[in-house]
Amino acid sequence: MVPKRWARRAVTRNAIKRQIYNVSERFGDRLPEAAHVVRLRTTFDRKQFISATSDHLKLAVRLELEQLFERALRTEVHA
């Protein structure tokens, strides 16, 4: 979920969602088959990420998502 309060522009929200889909595909075979929810919890500041489709924004989102999915895998292994 990418609420408007954290990513004001639709183009930013859509870019973030595309990153979620791309990263989740790479981890999909290692995660249990279930519905997974990814929820944006902090803002992507327009001052830091001027362009909604910049490589800088995509990289920041991708890195954060990879950390999230890696943590989910570690939790699943230890459960």
N, C-alpha and C. Protein backbone atom coordinates (compact mmCIF):
# COMPACT_ATOMS: atom_id res chain seq x y z
N MET A 1 0.85 -1.17 0.00
CA MET A 1 0.00 0.00 0.00
C MET A 1 0.90 1.23 0.00
N VAL A 2 0.60 2.14 -0.86
CA VAL A 2 1.37 3.37 -0.97
C VAL A 2 0.39 4.54 -0.81
N PRO A 3 0.18 5.00 0.43
CA PRO A 3 -0.79 6.07 0.65
C PRO A 3 -0.30 7.43 0.14
N LYS A 4 -1.25 8.26 -0.20
CA LYS A 4 -0.93 9.61 -0.70
C LYS A 4 -0.13 10.44 0.29
N ARG A 5 -0.34 10.21 1.57
CA ARG A 5 0.36 11.06 2.54
C ARG A 5 1.86 10.81 2.53
N TRP A 6 2.31 9.64 2.04
CA TRP A 6 3.75 9.34 2.00
C TRP A 6 4.35 9.56 0.63
N ALA A 7 3.55 9.47 -0.41
CA ALA A 7 4.03 9.72 -1.78
C ALA A 7 2.91 10.49 -2.49
N ARG A 8 3.06 11.79 -2.52
CA ARG A 8 1.99 12.67 -2.98
C ARG A 8 1.61 12.46 -4.44
N ARG A 9 2.59 12.33 -5.31
CA ARG A 9 2.30 12.26 -6.74
C ARG A 9 2.00 10.82 -7.16
N ALA A 10 1.00 10.68 -8.02
CA ALA A 10 0.61 9.36 -8.50
C ALA A 10 1.76 8.68 -9.22
N VAL A 11 2.54 9.45 -9.95
CA VAL A 11 3.66 8.87 -10.69
C VAL A 11 4.69 8.27 -9.71
N THR A 12 4.86 8.89 -8.56
CA THR A 12 5.76 8.35 -7.54
C THR A 12 5.19 7.07 -6.95
N ARG A 13 3.92 7.08 -6.62
CA ARG A 13 3.28 5.89 -6.06
C ARG A 13 3.35 4.73 -7.04
N ASN A 14 3.12 5.01 -8.32
CA ASN A 14 3.18 3.95 -9.32
C ASN A 14 4.60 3.42 -9.50
N ALA A 15 5.59 4.30 -9.45
CA ALA A 15 6.99 3.85 -9.56
C ALA A 15 7.35 2.96 -8.37
N ILE A 16 6.88 3.31 -7.19
CA ILE A 16 7.14 2.51 -5.99
C ILE A 16 6.45 1.15 -6.12
N LYS A 17 5.22 1.14 -6.60
CA LYS A 17 4.50 -0.12 -6.78
C LYS A 17 5.21 -1.03 -7.78
N ARG A 18 5.73 -0.45 -8.86
CA ARG A 18 6.47 -1.26 -9.83
C ARG A 18 7.70 -1.89 -9.20
N GLN A 19 8.38 -1.14 -8.33
CA GLN A 19 9.54 -1.69 -7.64
C GLN A 19 9.11 -2.84 -6.72
N ILE A 20 8.00 -2.67 -6.05
CA ILE A 20 7.48 -3.73 -5.17
C ILE A 20 7.22 -4.99 -5.99
N TYR A 21 6.58 -4.85 -7.15
CA TYR A 21 6.28 -6.02 -7.98
C TYR A 21 7.57 -6.68 -8.46
N ASN A 22 8.53 -5.88 -8.90
CA ASN A 22 9.79 -6.43 -9.43
C ASN A 22 10.57 -7.18 -8.36
N VAL A 23 10.71 -6.59 -7.19
CA VAL A 23 11.48 -7.22 -6.13
C VAL A 23 10.74 -8.45 -5.60
N SER A 24 9.44 -8.36 -5.47
CA SER A 24 8.68 -9.51 -4.96
C SER A 24 8.75 -10.70 -5.92
N GLU A 25 8.86 -10.45 -7.21
CA GLU A 25 9.01 -11.56 -8.17
C GLU A 25 10.31 -12.32 -7.92
N ARG A 26 11.38 -11.58 -7.62
CA ARG A 26 12.67 -12.23 -7.38
C ARG A 26 12.67 -13.06 -6.11
N PHE A 27 11.89 -12.68 -5.13
CA PHE A 27 11.83 -13.40 -3.86
C PHE A 27 10.67 -14.39 -3.80
N GLY A 28 9.78 -14.35 -4.76
CA GLY A 28 8.55 -15.12 -4.73
C GLY A 28 8.73 -16.61 -4.55
N ASP A 29 9.75 -17.18 -5.18
CA ASP A 29 9.94 -18.62 -5.08
C ASP A 29 10.51 -19.05 -3.73
N ARG A 30 11.06 -18.11 -2.98
CA ARG A 30 11.64 -18.44 -1.68
C ARG A 30 10.71 -18.14 -0.51
N LEU A 31 9.66 -17.40 -0.76
CA LEU A 31 8.69 -17.09 0.28
C LEU A 31 7.52 -18.07 0.22
N PRO A 32 6.87 -18.31 1.35
CA PRO A 32 5.72 -19.21 1.31
C PRO A 32 4.60 -18.60 0.45
N GLU A 33 3.82 -19.46 -0.15
CA GLU A 33 2.72 -18.99 -0.98
C GLU A 33 1.64 -18.41 -0.07
N ALA A 34 1.47 -17.12 -0.15
CA ALA A 34 0.50 -16.41 0.69
C ALA A 34 0.33 -15.00 0.13
N ALA A 35 -0.61 -14.29 0.66
CA ALA A 35 -0.77 -12.88 0.32
C ALA A 35 0.18 -12.08 1.20
N HIS A 36 1.05 -11.32 0.58
CA HIS A 36 2.01 -10.50 1.32
C HIS A 36 1.65 -9.03 1.13
N VAL A 37 1.69 -8.28 2.19
CA VAL A 37 1.36 -6.86 2.14
C VAL A 37 2.63 -6.06 2.39
N VAL A 38 2.92 -5.14 1.49
CA VAL A 38 4.03 -4.21 1.66
C VAL A 38 3.40 -2.84 1.85
N ARG A 39 3.71 -2.23 2.97
CA ARG A 39 3.07 -0.96 3.31
C ARG A 39 4.14 0.11 3.50
N LEU A 40 4.01 1.20 2.78
CA LEU A 40 4.92 2.32 2.91
C LEU A 40 4.65 3.02 4.23
N ARG A 41 5.70 3.22 5.02
CA ARG A 41 5.50 3.78 6.36
C ARG A 41 6.11 5.16 6.55
N THR A 42 6.96 5.57 5.63
CA THR A 42 7.55 6.90 5.73
C THR A 42 7.51 7.57 4.36
N THR A 43 7.68 8.85 4.38
CA THR A 43 7.57 9.64 3.16
C THR A 43 8.83 9.54 2.30
N PHE A 44 8.63 9.72 1.02
CA PHE A 44 9.74 9.92 0.10
C PHE A 44 9.73 11.41 -0.21
N ASP A 45 10.64 12.12 0.41
CA ASP A 45 10.67 13.58 0.36
C ASP A 45 10.94 14.08 -1.06
N ARG A 46 10.09 14.97 -1.54
CA ARG A 46 10.25 15.54 -2.88
C ARG A 46 11.51 16.38 -3.00
N LYS A 47 12.03 16.87 -1.89
CA LYS A 47 13.28 17.64 -1.94
C LYS A 47 14.47 16.71 -2.20
N GLN A 48 14.40 15.52 -1.67
CA GLN A 48 15.48 14.55 -1.86
C GLN A 48 15.32 13.81 -3.19
N PHE A 49 14.09 13.47 -3.54
CA PHE A 49 13.81 12.74 -4.78
C PHE A 49 12.99 13.65 -5.68
N ILE A 50 13.67 14.51 -6.41
CA ILE A 50 13.01 15.53 -7.21
C ILE A 50 12.16 14.91 -8.32
N SER A 51 12.71 13.93 -9.01
CA SER A 51 11.98 13.27 -10.08
C SER A 51 11.35 11.99 -9.56
N ALA A 52 10.09 11.79 -9.87
CA ALA A 52 9.38 10.61 -9.39
C ALA A 52 9.89 9.34 -10.04
N THR A 53 10.53 9.47 -11.18
CA THR A 53 11.03 8.28 -11.88
C THR A 53 12.55 8.26 -11.94
N SER A 54 13.20 8.96 -11.03
CA SER A 54 14.65 9.03 -11.05
C SER A 54 15.27 7.69 -10.64
N ASP A 55 16.47 7.45 -11.13
CA ASP A 55 17.20 6.24 -10.75
C ASP A 55 17.50 6.25 -9.26
N HIS A 56 17.70 7.43 -8.70
CA HIS A 56 17.99 7.57 -7.26
C HIS A 56 16.80 7.07 -6.42
N LEU A 57 15.60 7.44 -6.80
CA LEU A 57 14.40 6.98 -6.09
C LEU A 57 14.23 5.48 -6.25
N LYS A 58 14.37 5.00 -7.48
CA LYS A 58 14.21 3.56 -7.73
C LYS A 58 15.20 2.74 -6.92
N LEU A 59 16.44 3.20 -6.87
CA LEU A 59 17.46 2.49 -6.11
C LEU A 59 17.14 2.49 -4.61
N ALA A 60 16.73 3.63 -4.08
CA ALA A 60 16.39 3.72 -2.66
C ALA A 60 15.24 2.78 -2.31
N VAL A 61 14.23 2.75 -3.16
CA VAL A 61 13.07 1.88 -2.92
C VAL A 61 13.49 0.43 -3.04
N ARG A 62 14.26 0.10 -4.07
CA ARG A 62 14.69 -1.27 -4.29
C ARG A 62 15.52 -1.79 -3.12
N LEU A 63 16.45 -0.99 -2.64
CA LEU A 63 17.30 -1.41 -1.52
C LEU A 63 16.47 -1.66 -0.26
N GLU A 64 15.55 -0.77 0.01
CA GLU A 64 14.70 -0.94 1.18
C GLU A 64 13.82 -2.19 1.06
N LEU A 65 13.29 -2.43 -0.12
CA LEU A 65 12.47 -3.61 -0.34
C LEU A 65 13.27 -4.90 -0.22
N GLU A 66 14.48 -4.90 -0.75
CA GLU A 66 15.32 -6.08 -0.64
C GLU A 66 15.64 -6.40 0.82
N GLN A 67 15.90 -5.37 1.61
CA GLN A 67 16.14 -5.59 3.04
C GLN A 67 14.89 -6.17 3.70
N LEU A 68 13.74 -5.65 3.34
CA LEU A 68 12.47 -6.12 3.91
C LEU A 68 12.23 -7.58 3.57
N PHE A 69 12.42 -7.94 2.30
CA PHE A 69 12.19 -9.31 1.89
C PHE A 69 13.23 -10.26 2.47
N GLU A 70 14.47 -9.83 2.58
CA GLU A 70 15.51 -10.66 3.22
C GLU A 70 15.13 -10.92 4.68
N ARG A 71 14.66 -9.90 5.36
CA ARG A 71 14.23 -10.06 6.75
C ARG A 71 13.06 -11.03 6.85
N ALA A 72 12.14 -10.94 5.91
CA ALA A 72 11.00 -11.86 5.89
C ALA A 72 11.47 -13.30 5.68
N LEU A 73 12.47 -13.48 4.83
CA LEU A 73 13.01 -14.83 4.61
C LEU A 73 13.68 -15.37 5.87
N ARG A 74 14.46 -14.54 6.54
CA ARG A 74 15.13 -14.97 7.78
C ARG A 74 14.10 -15.32 8.86
N THR A 75 13.06 -14.54 8.95
CA THR A 75 12.01 -14.79 9.93
C THR A 75 11.30 -16.10 9.62
N GLU A 76 11.06 -16.34 8.35
CA GLU A 76 10.37 -17.56 7.92
C GLU A 76 11.23 -18.79 8.21
N VAL A 77 12.52 -18.69 8.02
CA VAL A 77 13.42 -19.82 8.26
C VAL A 77 13.47 -20.16 9.74
N HIS A 78 13.45 -19.15 10.59
CA HIS A 78 13.55 -19.36 12.04
C HIS A 78 12.21 -19.69 12.70
N ALA A 79 11.14 -19.55 11.97
CA ALA A 79 9.81 -19.79 12.55
C ALA A 79 9.49 -21.27 12.63
